Amino acid sequence: MSLQELKEKASQLSVSEILSLLSAIVQSLQTTPGIENWQYLVARPYAWRAQLYIKGRKLLASTIWRDMTANGMSPEQAAENWDLPLSAIYEAIDYCESHQELLKLEADEERYRLEAKGVKLESTNKEAE
């Protein structure tokens, strides 16, 4: 099946079917606890989110990574901005760069959940092209 055929089939699904499918995909991408040994990152129980958080904070590793990317920050600047050790920043970068598929799936699921609640979202650059 081609990507175009998959897109056409997906467009015929209801929002709840899409959420169920995304949830199943995210769960299948979760790593088994203990396989990766992170010093600063930790999993948290969450209904559908599997990505890791900074230990001791309600802060997703991807929040740091996206903030750095969007604002052109160096790891040193991010460490100062988030009041974290530089090694925690490098670990968050490493994690995010090696788990981009999971981060994208979770962002897609969050977008669908918000849209299902009636929240209007701005188009991303990718969608505008």
N, C-alpha and C. Protein backbone atom coordinates (compact mmCIF):
# COMPACT_ATOMS: atom_id res chain seq x y z
N MET A 1 0.85 -1.17 0.00
CA MET A 1 0.00 0.00 0.00
C MET A 1 0.90 1.24 0.00
N SER A 2 0.56 2.18 -0.84
CA SER A 2 1.36 3.40 -0.95
C SER A 2 1.00 4.38 0.17
N LEU A 3 1.86 5.36 0.36
CA LEU A 3 1.62 6.40 1.36
C LEU A 3 0.34 7.17 1.02
N GLN A 4 0.11 7.44 -0.26
CA GLN A 4 -1.10 8.16 -0.68
C GLN A 4 -2.34 7.34 -0.34
N GLU A 5 -2.30 6.04 -0.56
CA GLU A 5 -3.45 5.18 -0.23
C GLU A 5 -3.70 5.19 1.28
N LEU A 6 -2.62 5.16 2.06
CA LEU A 6 -2.76 5.23 3.52
C LEU A 6 -3.39 6.55 3.95
N LYS A 7 -2.96 7.65 3.35
CA LYS A 7 -3.52 8.96 3.66
C LYS A 7 -5.01 9.01 3.34
N GLU A 8 -5.39 8.44 2.19
CA GLU A 8 -6.80 8.44 1.80
C GLU A 8 -7.63 7.63 2.79
N LYS A 9 -7.13 6.46 3.20
CA LYS A 9 -7.85 5.64 4.18
C LYS A 9 -7.95 6.35 5.51
N ALA A 10 -6.85 6.99 5.94
CA ALA A 10 -6.84 7.70 7.22
C ALA A 10 -7.83 8.86 7.21
N SER A 11 -8.00 9.52 6.07
CA SER A 11 -8.93 10.66 6.01
C SER A 11 -10.38 10.22 6.16
N GLN A 12 -10.65 8.93 6.01
CA GLN A 12 -12.01 8.40 6.15
C GLN A 12 -12.32 7.99 7.59
N LEU A 13 -11.31 8.02 8.47
CA LEU A 13 -11.51 7.62 9.85
C LEU A 13 -12.11 8.75 10.67
N SER A 14 -12.86 8.38 11.70
CA SER A 14 -13.38 9.38 12.63
C SER A 14 -12.25 9.82 13.55
N VAL A 15 -12.47 10.91 14.26
CA VAL A 15 -11.47 11.42 15.20
C VAL A 15 -11.17 10.36 16.26
N SER A 16 -12.19 9.70 16.79
CA SER A 16 -11.96 8.69 17.83
C SER A 16 -11.18 7.50 17.28
N GLU A 17 -11.42 7.12 16.02
CA GLU A 17 -10.65 6.03 15.41
C GLU A 17 -9.19 6.43 15.21
N ILE A 18 -8.97 7.69 14.83
CA ILE A 18 -7.60 8.19 14.65
C ILE A 18 -6.88 8.20 15.99
N LEU A 19 -7.57 8.67 17.05
CA LEU A 19 -6.97 8.70 18.38
C LEU A 19 -6.61 7.29 18.84
N SER A 20 -7.48 6.34 18.61
CA SER A 20 -7.21 4.95 18.99
C SER A 20 -6.01 4.40 18.24
N LEU A 21 -5.95 4.69 16.95
CA LEU A 21 -4.84 4.22 16.13
C LEU A 21 -3.53 4.85 16.59
N LEU A 22 -3.53 6.16 16.81
CA LEU A 22 -2.31 6.84 17.27
C LEU A 22 -1.88 6.31 18.64
N SER A 23 -2.83 6.08 19.52
CA SER A 23 -2.51 5.55 20.84
C SER A 23 -1.84 4.18 20.72
N ALA A 24 -2.38 3.34 19.84
CA ALA A 24 -1.79 2.01 19.64
C ALA A 24 -0.37 2.12 19.07
N ILE A 25 -0.16 3.05 18.15
CA ILE A 25 1.16 3.23 17.57
C ILE A 25 2.14 3.73 18.62
N VAL A 26 1.73 4.72 19.41
CA VAL A 26 2.61 5.26 20.46
C VAL A 26 2.98 4.17 21.44
N GLN A 27 2.01 3.36 21.86
CA GLN A 27 2.29 2.28 22.81
C GLN A 27 3.27 1.27 22.21
N SER A 28 3.15 1.02 20.91
CA SER A 28 4.06 0.05 20.29
C SER A 28 5.48 0.59 20.18
N LEU A 29 5.63 1.92 20.20
CA LEU A 29 6.96 2.53 20.09
C LEU A 29 7.64 2.73 21.44
N GLN A 30 6.90 2.52 22.52
CA GLN A 30 7.48 2.71 23.85
C GLN A 30 8.63 1.72 24.04
N THR A 31 9.69 2.22 24.63
CA THR A 31 10.80 1.34 24.93
C THR A 31 10.52 0.63 26.23
N THR A 32 11.06 -0.53 26.37
CA THR A 32 10.91 -1.28 27.61
C THR A 32 11.68 -0.56 28.70
N PRO A 33 11.03 -0.30 29.86
CA PRO A 33 11.74 0.40 30.92
C PRO A 33 13.04 -0.32 31.29
N GLY A 34 14.08 0.47 31.51
CA GLY A 34 15.34 -0.10 31.93
C GLY A 34 16.31 -0.41 30.81
N ILE A 35 15.84 -0.42 29.56
CA ILE A 35 16.74 -0.72 28.45
C ILE A 35 17.72 0.44 28.25
N GLU A 36 17.19 1.66 28.27
CA GLU A 36 18.03 2.83 28.12
C GLU A 36 18.31 3.38 29.52
N ASN A 37 19.54 3.70 29.77
CA ASN A 37 19.93 4.16 31.09
C ASN A 37 20.16 5.67 31.05
N TRP A 38 19.12 6.43 31.38
CA TRP A 38 19.20 7.88 31.36
C TRP A 38 19.49 8.38 32.76
N GLN A 39 20.36 9.35 32.87
CA GLN A 39 20.69 9.93 34.17
C GLN A 39 19.69 11.02 34.56
N TYR A 40 19.26 11.83 33.60
CA TYR A 40 18.41 12.98 33.89
C TYR A 40 16.97 12.83 33.41
N LEU A 41 16.68 11.77 32.68
CA LEU A 41 15.35 11.59 32.10
C LEU A 41 14.62 10.45 32.78
N VAL A 42 13.29 10.58 32.84
CA VAL A 42 12.47 9.58 33.51
C VAL A 42 11.12 9.47 32.81
N ALA A 43 10.56 8.26 32.83
CA ALA A 43 9.21 8.05 32.30
C ALA A 43 8.22 8.42 33.39
N ARG A 44 7.06 8.89 32.98
CA ARG A 44 5.98 9.20 33.92
C ARG A 44 4.72 8.52 33.43
N PRO A 45 3.91 8.02 34.35
CA PRO A 45 2.65 7.40 33.91
C PRO A 45 1.73 8.45 33.30
N TYR A 46 1.30 8.21 32.10
CA TYR A 46 0.44 9.14 31.39
C TYR A 46 -0.43 8.31 30.45
N ALA A 47 -1.65 8.71 30.25
CA ALA A 47 -2.60 7.92 29.46
C ALA A 47 -2.09 7.60 28.06
N TRP A 48 -1.49 8.55 27.39
CA TRP A 48 -1.04 8.30 26.02
C TRP A 48 0.34 8.84 25.71
N ARG A 49 0.94 9.59 26.60
CA ARG A 49 2.27 10.15 26.33
C ARG A 49 3.34 9.21 26.86
N ALA A 50 4.30 8.88 26.00
CA ALA A 50 5.37 7.96 26.38
C ALA A 50 6.73 8.62 26.48
N GLN A 51 6.87 9.83 25.93
CA GLN A 51 8.19 10.46 25.94
C GLN A 51 8.63 10.79 27.36
N LEU A 52 9.92 10.99 27.51
CA LEU A 52 10.52 11.16 28.82
C LEU A 52 10.53 12.62 29.29
N TYR A 53 10.55 12.76 30.61
CA TYR A 53 10.59 14.05 31.29
C TYR A 53 11.93 14.23 31.98
N ILE A 54 12.26 15.47 32.30
CA ILE A 54 13.42 15.76 33.13
C ILE A 54 13.07 15.34 34.55
N LYS A 55 13.94 14.56 35.19
CA LYS A 55 13.69 14.09 36.55
C LYS A 55 13.43 15.27 37.48
N GLY A 56 12.41 15.12 38.32
CA GLY A 56 12.10 16.13 39.32
C GLY A 56 11.35 17.35 38.81
N ARG A 57 10.98 17.33 37.53
CA ARG A 57 10.27 18.47 36.94
C ARG A 57 9.13 17.98 36.05
N LYS A 58 8.16 18.82 35.87
CA LYS A 58 7.09 18.54 34.91
C LYS A 58 7.51 19.16 33.57
N LEU A 59 8.63 18.70 33.05
CA LEU A 59 9.24 19.28 31.87
C LEU A 59 9.64 18.16 30.91
N LEU A 60 9.00 18.14 29.74
CA LEU A 60 9.34 17.15 28.73
C LEU A 60 10.71 17.47 28.13
N ALA A 61 11.46 16.43 27.84
CA ALA A 61 12.74 16.61 27.16
C ALA A 61 12.53 17.33 25.83
N SER A 62 11.43 17.02 25.16
CA SER A 62 11.16 17.65 23.86
C SER A 62 10.88 19.14 23.98
N THR A 63 10.40 19.59 25.12
CA THR A 63 10.16 21.03 25.32
C THR A 63 11.49 21.78 25.26
N ILE A 64 12.50 21.22 25.89
CA ILE A 64 13.83 21.84 25.87
C ILE A 64 14.38 21.84 24.45
N TRP A 65 14.29 20.69 23.80
CA TRP A 65 14.83 20.52 22.44
C TRP A 65 14.15 21.47 21.46
N ARG A 66 12.84 21.56 21.53
CA ARG A 66 12.11 22.44 20.61
C ARG A 66 12.39 23.91 20.92
N ASP A 67 12.53 24.25 22.19
CA ASP A 67 12.86 25.62 22.58
C ASP A 67 14.23 26.01 22.03
N MET A 68 15.17 25.10 22.14
CA MET A 68 16.52 25.37 21.62
C MET A 68 16.47 25.60 20.11
N THR A 69 15.74 24.73 19.42
CA THR A 69 15.66 24.80 17.97
C THR A 69 14.96 26.09 17.53
N ALA A 70 13.81 26.38 18.14
CA ALA A 70 13.02 27.55 17.75
C ALA A 70 13.76 28.86 18.03
N ASN A 71 14.55 28.89 19.09
CA ASN A 71 15.21 30.13 19.50
C ASN A 71 16.70 30.18 19.19
N GLY A 72 17.19 29.16 18.48
CA GLY A 72 18.60 29.14 18.09
C GLY A 72 19.55 29.15 19.28
N MET A 73 19.18 28.47 20.34
CA MET A 73 20.01 28.44 21.56
C MET A 73 21.09 27.37 21.47
N SER A 74 22.20 27.67 22.05
CA SER A 74 23.26 26.67 22.22
C SER A 74 22.89 25.82 23.44
N PRO A 75 23.51 24.65 23.58
CA PRO A 75 23.26 23.84 24.78
C PRO A 75 23.57 24.62 26.07
N GLU A 76 24.62 25.44 26.03
CA GLU A 76 24.98 26.24 27.21
C GLU A 76 23.88 27.25 27.56
N GLN A 77 23.33 27.89 26.52
CA GLN A 77 22.25 28.84 26.75
C GLN A 77 21.00 28.14 27.29
N ALA A 78 20.71 26.96 26.75
CA ALA A 78 19.54 26.20 27.23
C ALA A 78 19.73 25.78 28.68
N ALA A 79 20.95 25.36 29.03
CA ALA A 79 21.22 24.96 30.42
C ALA A 79 20.97 26.13 31.36
N GLU A 80 21.39 27.31 30.95
CA GLU A 80 21.17 28.50 31.78
C GLU A 80 19.69 28.85 31.81
N ASN A 81 19.05 28.82 30.66
CA ASN A 81 17.64 29.17 30.56
C ASN A 81 16.75 28.25 31.41
N TRP A 82 17.02 26.95 31.39
CA TRP A 82 16.20 25.98 32.11
C TRP A 82 16.76 25.64 33.48
N ASP A 83 17.87 26.26 33.87
CA ASP A 83 18.52 25.99 35.15
C ASP A 83 18.78 24.50 35.34
N LEU A 84 19.47 23.93 34.34
CA LEU A 84 19.80 22.50 34.35
C LEU A 84 21.29 22.33 34.09
N PRO A 85 21.86 21.22 34.53
CA PRO A 85 23.26 20.94 34.18
C PRO A 85 23.39 20.77 32.66
N LEU A 86 24.51 21.16 32.13
CA LEU A 86 24.76 21.03 30.70
C LEU A 86 24.60 19.57 30.25
N SER A 87 25.01 18.63 31.09
CA SER A 87 24.90 17.21 30.72
C SER A 87 23.43 16.80 30.60
N ALA A 88 22.52 17.43 31.34
CA ALA A 88 21.09 17.13 31.20
C ALA A 88 20.57 17.62 29.85
N ILE A 89 21.07 18.76 29.41
CA ILE A 89 20.67 19.30 28.10
C ILE A 89 21.14 18.37 26.99
N TYR A 90 22.40 17.94 27.07
CA TYR A 90 22.91 17.03 26.04
C TYR A 90 22.13 15.71 26.04
N GLU A 91 21.73 15.24 27.21
CA GLU A 91 20.96 14.01 27.29
C GLU A 91 19.58 14.21 26.65
N ALA A 92 18.94 15.34 26.91
CA ALA A 92 17.64 15.64 26.31
C ALA A 92 17.76 15.72 24.78
N ILE A 93 18.81 16.36 24.30
CA ILE A 93 19.04 16.45 22.85
C ILE A 93 19.21 15.06 22.26
N ASP A 94 20.06 14.27 22.88
CA ASP A 94 20.32 12.90 22.43
C ASP A 94 19.04 12.09 22.37
N TYR A 95 18.26 12.17 23.44
CA TYR A 95 16.99 11.43 23.50
C TYR A 95 16.05 11.88 22.37
N CYS A 96 15.85 13.17 22.23
CA CYS A 96 14.92 13.69 21.23
C CYS A 96 15.35 13.36 19.81
N GLU A 97 16.63 13.47 19.54
CA GLU A 97 17.12 13.16 18.20
C GLU A 97 17.00 11.68 17.87
N SER A 98 17.04 10.83 18.87
CA SER A 98 16.92 9.38 18.62
C SER A 98 15.49 8.87 18.76
N HIS A 99 14.55 9.75 19.12
CA HIS A 99 13.14 9.34 19.28
C HIS A 99 12.20 10.28 18.53
N GLN A 100 12.64 10.78 17.38
CA GLN A 100 11.84 11.76 16.64
C GLN A 100 10.49 11.20 16.18
N GLU A 101 10.45 9.93 15.83
CA GLU A 101 9.18 9.34 15.38
C GLU A 101 8.15 9.36 16.51
N LEU A 102 8.58 8.99 17.70
CA LEU A 102 7.68 9.01 18.85
C LEU A 102 7.20 10.44 19.13
N LEU A 103 8.11 11.40 19.10
CA LEU A 103 7.74 12.80 19.36
C LEU A 103 6.73 13.31 18.34
N LYS A 104 6.92 12.94 17.07
CA LYS A 104 5.99 13.36 16.03
C LYS A 104 4.63 12.72 16.24
N LEU A 105 4.61 11.44 16.54
CA LEU A 105 3.33 10.76 16.77
C LEU A 105 2.58 11.38 17.95
N GLU A 106 3.29 11.69 19.00
CA GLU A 106 2.64 12.29 20.16
C GLU A 106 2.15 13.71 19.85
N ALA A 107 2.89 14.46 19.07
CA ALA A 107 2.44 15.79 18.67
C ALA A 107 1.18 15.68 17.81
N ASP A 108 1.15 14.71 16.91
CA ASP A 108 -0.04 14.48 16.09
C ASP A 108 -1.24 14.11 16.95
N GLU A 109 -1.01 13.23 17.92
CA GLU A 109 -2.11 12.81 18.79
C GLU A 109 -2.63 14.00 19.61
N GLU A 110 -1.72 14.81 20.11
CA GLU A 110 -2.14 15.98 20.89
C GLU A 110 -2.96 16.93 20.03
N ARG A 111 -2.54 17.12 18.78
CA ARG A 111 -3.28 17.98 17.85
C ARG A 111 -4.69 17.43 17.63
N TYR A 112 -4.81 16.11 17.39
CA TYR A 112 -6.13 15.50 17.19
C TYR A 112 -7.00 15.64 18.43
N ARG A 113 -6.42 15.46 19.60
CA ARG A 113 -7.20 15.57 20.84
C ARG A 113 -7.71 17.00 21.04
N LEU A 114 -6.86 17.98 20.74
CA LEU A 114 -7.28 19.37 20.86
C LEU A 114 -8.38 19.71 19.85
N GLU A 115 -8.20 19.25 18.61
CA GLU A 115 -9.20 19.50 17.59
C GLU A 115 -10.53 18.83 17.95
N ALA A 116 -10.47 17.64 18.54
CA ALA A 116 -11.67 16.93 18.96
C ALA A 116 -12.42 17.71 20.04
N LYS A 117 -11.69 18.50 20.82
CA LYS A 117 -12.30 19.33 21.86
C LYS A 117 -12.76 20.68 21.30
N GLY A 118 -12.53 20.91 20.01
CA GLY A 118 -12.96 22.15 19.38
C GLY A 118 -11.95 23.27 19.43
N VAL A 119 -10.73 22.99 19.83
CA VAL A 119 -9.68 24.01 19.88
C VAL A 119 -9.19 24.27 18.46
N LYS A 120 -9.20 25.53 18.06
CA LYS A 120 -8.72 25.91 16.73
C LYS A 120 -7.21 26.09 16.79
N LEU A 121 -6.51 25.43 15.88
CA LEU A 121 -5.05 25.50 15.84
C LEU A 121 -4.60 26.18 14.56
N GLU A 122 -3.50 26.92 14.67
CA GLU A 122 -2.90 27.54 13.49
C GLU A 122 -2.22 26.47 12.66
N SER A 123 -2.16 26.69 11.37
CA SER A 123 -1.46 25.76 10.49
C SER A 123 0.02 25.81 10.75
N THR A 124 0.68 24.66 10.64
CA THR A 124 2.13 24.63 10.71
C THR A 124 2.67 24.97 9.34
N ASN A 125 3.95 25.32 9.26
CA ASN A 125 4.56 25.64 7.98
C ASN A 125 4.44 24.48 7.01
N LYS A 126 4.56 23.27 7.51
CA LYS A 126 4.48 22.08 6.67
C LYS A 126 3.12 21.97 6.01
N GLU A 127 2.06 22.27 6.77
CA GLU A 127 0.71 22.19 6.24
C GLU A 127 0.44 23.30 5.23
N ALA A 128 1.10 24.43 5.39
CA ALA A 128 0.87 25.57 4.51
C ALA A 128 1.52 25.40 3.15
N GLU A 129 2.49 24.51 3.04
CA GLU A 129 3.22 24.34 1.78
C GLU A 129 2.40 23.65 0.73
